[in-house]
């Protein structure tokens, strides 16, 4: 004799879950984390080489929509500086942010002592360290560091060489300001 329950058609998995009172929603935080994840590969020697994550390659409208949804759930969400700037209206596009990073890279690559560090805050394209500044320290610490930021319209912050807690960043008013004050920034003391 056939079991009549075995011959009944089962409901799709989503339907079965609802019948048991389960409700599964996408985890926006996990989706965002995957969007920032860099594929394995060679270590980047410049910001352009560090732009390998989904947020750097996917259509900008999709990236912005996912960022807005994820940041609504978690306001302190890690994200590239340029994406926060685009989302707030400070930059017109991701391409503008990339152009700023590339122009700074061209300037610093031409100067002795500046080294690009490809691992920064999640999603960012890295930062720059001025290695000779470490000689000013009597104990281990951090060299003068340049990073991009969305906290002001110059898009560049410099943190002077230090041991212990990091000092407040110095806002740089853009590429022209960086170019004209680079020698002074390189000579900042702890």
Protein backbone atom coordinates (compact mmCIF):
# COMPACT_ATOMS: atom_id res chain seq x y z
CA UNK A 1 0.00 0.00 0.00
CA UNK A 2 1.36 3.44 -0.93
CA UNK A 3 1.77 6.07 1.72
CA UNK A 4 -0.48 8.91 0.67
CA UNK A 5 1.75 11.52 2.34
CA UNK A 6 4.71 10.52 0.16
CA UNK A 7 2.74 11.12 -3.00
CA UNK A 8 1.71 14.65 -1.97
CA UNK A 9 3.61 17.48 -3.61
CA UNK A 10 5.80 19.38 -1.10
CA UNK A 11 5.66 23.14 -0.80
CA UNK A 12 8.72 25.09 -1.96
CA UNK A 13 11.36 25.66 0.78
CA UNK A 14 10.34 29.29 1.30
CA UNK A 15 6.72 28.25 1.78
CA UNK A 16 7.68 25.45 4.20
CA UNK A 17 9.68 27.95 6.28
CA UNK A 18 6.68 30.25 6.60
CA UNK A 19 4.50 27.38 7.66
CA UNK A 20 6.86 26.75 10.57
CA UNK A 21 7.02 30.38 11.58
CA UNK A 22 10.53 30.98 10.22
CA UNK A 23 11.24 34.20 8.44
CA UNK A 24 14.63 34.71 6.81
CA UNK A 25 15.76 38.10 5.56
CA UNK A 26 18.93 38.94 3.62
CA UNK A 27 21.78 40.01 5.85
CA UNK A 28 22.67 43.42 4.43
CA UNK A 29 25.81 43.58 6.56
CA UNK A 30 27.15 40.37 5.07
CA UNK A 31 26.28 41.52 1.56
CA UNK A 32 28.15 44.80 2.21
CA UNK A 33 31.15 42.96 3.62
CA UNK A 34 31.32 40.85 0.46
CA UNK A 35 31.05 44.02 -1.66
CA UNK A 36 34.21 45.36 0.02
CA UNK A 37 36.17 42.12 -0.12
CA UNK A 38 39.30 42.26 -2.23
CA UNK A 39 40.05 39.22 -4.37
CA UNK A 40 43.34 37.47 -3.66
CA UNK A 41 46.15 38.59 -5.84
CA UNK A 42 49.38 40.49 -5.95
CA UNK A 43 49.92 43.27 -3.45
CA UNK A 44 48.88 46.61 -4.91
CA UNK A 45 51.59 49.20 -5.51
CA UNK A 46 49.12 52.06 -6.10
CA UNK A 47 45.52 52.99 -5.35
CA UNK A 48 44.52 52.07 -8.92
CA UNK A 49 45.88 48.53 -8.41
CA UNK A 50 43.98 48.27 -5.10
CA UNK A 51 40.60 48.87 -6.74
CA UNK A 52 39.55 45.26 -7.20
CA UNK A 53 36.50 44.92 -4.95
CA UNK A 54 32.90 44.90 -6.16
CA UNK A 55 32.42 48.51 -4.95
CA UNK A 56 35.16 49.60 -7.37
CA UNK A 57 33.87 47.71 -10.43
CA UNK A 58 30.08 47.35 -10.20
CA UNK A 59 27.74 49.92 -11.73
CA UNK A 60 27.92 53.02 -9.55
CA UNK A 61 24.15 53.23 -9.06
CA UNK A 62 24.09 49.67 -7.64
CA UNK A 63 27.03 50.40 -5.34
CA UNK A 64 25.36 53.56 -4.07
CA UNK A 65 22.00 51.80 -3.52
CA UNK A 66 23.61 48.95 -1.56
CA UNK A 67 25.69 51.41 0.49
CA UNK A 68 22.63 53.48 1.37
CA UNK A 69 20.66 50.38 2.40
CA UNK A 70 23.54 48.99 4.46
CA UNK A 71 24.40 52.31 6.11
CA UNK A 72 20.75 52.82 7.08
CA UNK A 73 21.07 49.63 9.14
CA UNK A 74 24.58 50.46 10.41
CA UNK A 75 25.54 54.17 10.25
CA UNK A 76 29.22 53.56 11.13
CA UNK A 77 29.60 51.17 8.20
CA UNK A 78 33.13 50.88 6.76
CA UNK A 79 33.18 52.30 3.25
CA UNK A 80 35.58 53.98 0.84
CA UNK A 81 35.99 57.70 1.47
CA UNK A 82 34.85 58.49 -2.08
CA UNK A 83 31.62 56.50 -1.65
CA UNK A 84 30.72 58.40 1.51
CA UNK A 85 31.51 61.64 -0.38
CA UNK A 86 29.35 60.64 -3.36
CA UNK A 87 26.49 59.59 -1.08
CA UNK A 88 26.60 62.94 0.74
CA UNK A 89 26.81 64.95 -2.49
CA UNK A 90 30.39 66.16 -1.93
CA UNK A 91 31.69 64.33 -5.01
CA UNK A 92 29.76 63.89 -8.23
CA UNK A 93 30.97 60.37 -8.98
CA UNK A 94 33.22 57.49 -8.03
CA UNK A 95 35.41 58.42 -11.00
CA UNK A 96 36.14 61.82 -9.40
CA UNK A 97 37.35 60.04 -6.25
CA UNK A 98 39.56 57.72 -8.29
CA UNK A 99 41.02 60.71 -10.13
CA UNK A 100 41.91 62.40 -6.82
CA UNK A 101 43.60 59.20 -5.56
CA UNK A 102 45.53 58.81 -8.82
CA UNK A 103 46.76 62.42 -8.87
CA UNK A 104 47.98 62.17 -5.27
CA UNK A 105 49.67 58.84 -6.15
CA UNK A 106 51.46 60.45 -9.09
CA UNK A 107 52.74 63.27 -6.87
CA UNK A 108 53.88 61.03 -3.99
CA UNK A 109 55.40 58.35 -6.26
CA UNK A 110 57.73 61.02 -7.62
CA UNK A 111 58.94 61.97 -4.11
CA UNK A 112 61.52 59.88 -2.25
CA UNK A 113 60.39 58.35 1.03
CA UNK A 114 56.66 57.96 0.35
CA UNK A 115 55.38 54.37 0.36
CA UNK A 116 51.90 53.22 -0.60
CA UNK A 117 50.27 50.88 1.94
CA UNK A 118 47.49 48.93 0.20
CA UNK A 119 45.68 47.68 3.29
CA UNK A 120 43.70 50.39 4.96
CA UNK A 121 40.21 50.69 6.34
CA UNK A 122 37.79 48.23 4.74
CA UNK A 123 36.93 49.37 1.25
CA UNK A 124 39.48 52.15 1.00
CA UNK A 125 42.29 52.03 -1.53
CA UNK A 126 45.06 52.25 1.07
CA UNK A 127 47.12 55.14 2.40
CA UNK A 128 50.64 56.60 2.18
CA UNK A 129 53.45 56.65 4.75
CA UNK A 130 56.46 58.95 4.75
CA UNK A 131 59.08 56.49 6.01
CA UNK A 132 61.95 58.95 6.80
CA UNK A 133 59.75 60.55 9.47
CA UNK A 134 60.17 57.46 11.68
CA UNK A 135 63.77 58.54 12.33
CA UNK A 136 62.40 61.35 14.49
CA UNK A 137 60.99 58.86 17.00
CA UNK A 138 62.90 57.54 20.01
CA UNK A 139 60.51 54.58 20.29
CA UNK A 140 58.42 52.53 17.83
CA UNK A 141 55.52 54.46 16.36
CA UNK A 142 53.79 55.50 13.16
CA UNK A 143 55.38 57.55 10.38
CA UNK A 144 53.69 60.59 8.90
CA UNK A 145 50.63 59.22 7.14
CA UNK A 146 48.50 60.61 4.32
CA UNK A 147 44.99 59.25 3.77
CA UNK A 148 41.95 60.30 1.79
CA UNK A 149 38.90 61.41 3.72
CA UNK A 150 35.33 62.58 3.25
CA UNK A 151 35.40 64.79 6.36
CA UNK A 152 36.28 67.94 4.31
CA UNK A 153 36.32 69.07 0.68
CA UNK A 154 40.10 68.85 0.32
CA UNK A 155 39.74 65.03 0.54
CA UNK A 156 43.22 64.60 2.11
CA UNK A 157 44.29 64.26 5.76
CA UNK A 158 47.83 64.00 7.10
CA UNK A 159 48.65 62.60 10.54
CA UNK A 160 52.11 63.58 11.74
CA UNK A 161 54.67 61.03 12.93
CA UNK A 162 53.86 59.84 16.44
CA UNK A 163 54.35 57.23 19.14
CA UNK A 164 51.32 56.47 21.28
CA UNK A 165 47.86 57.84 20.54
CA UNK A 166 47.39 59.34 17.09
CA UNK A 167 47.24 63.14 16.94
CA UNK A 168 44.36 64.90 15.21
CA UNK A 169 44.70 64.86 11.43
CA UNK A 170 45.77 67.95 9.53
CA UNK A 171 43.31 68.81 6.76
CA UNK A 172 44.93 69.41 3.38
CA UNK A 173 42.99 71.63 0.98
CA UNK A 174 43.37 69.44 -2.09
CA UNK A 175 46.14 68.53 -4.50
CA UNK A 176 47.44 72.10 -5.01
CA UNK A 177 47.69 72.60 -1.23
CA UNK A 178 49.43 69.24 -0.88
CA UNK A 179 51.91 70.05 -3.64
CA UNK A 180 52.81 73.47 -2.21
CA UNK A 181 53.08 72.24 1.40
CA UNK A 182 54.56 68.78 0.93
CA UNK A 183 58.00 69.71 2.26
CA UNK A 184 56.41 71.17 5.41
CA UNK A 185 54.23 68.08 5.87
CA UNK A 186 57.25 65.83 5.46
CA UNK A 187 59.05 67.73 8.25
CA UNK A 188 56.23 67.53 10.84
CA UNK A 189 57.61 66.56 14.26
CA UNK A 190 56.13 64.26 16.88
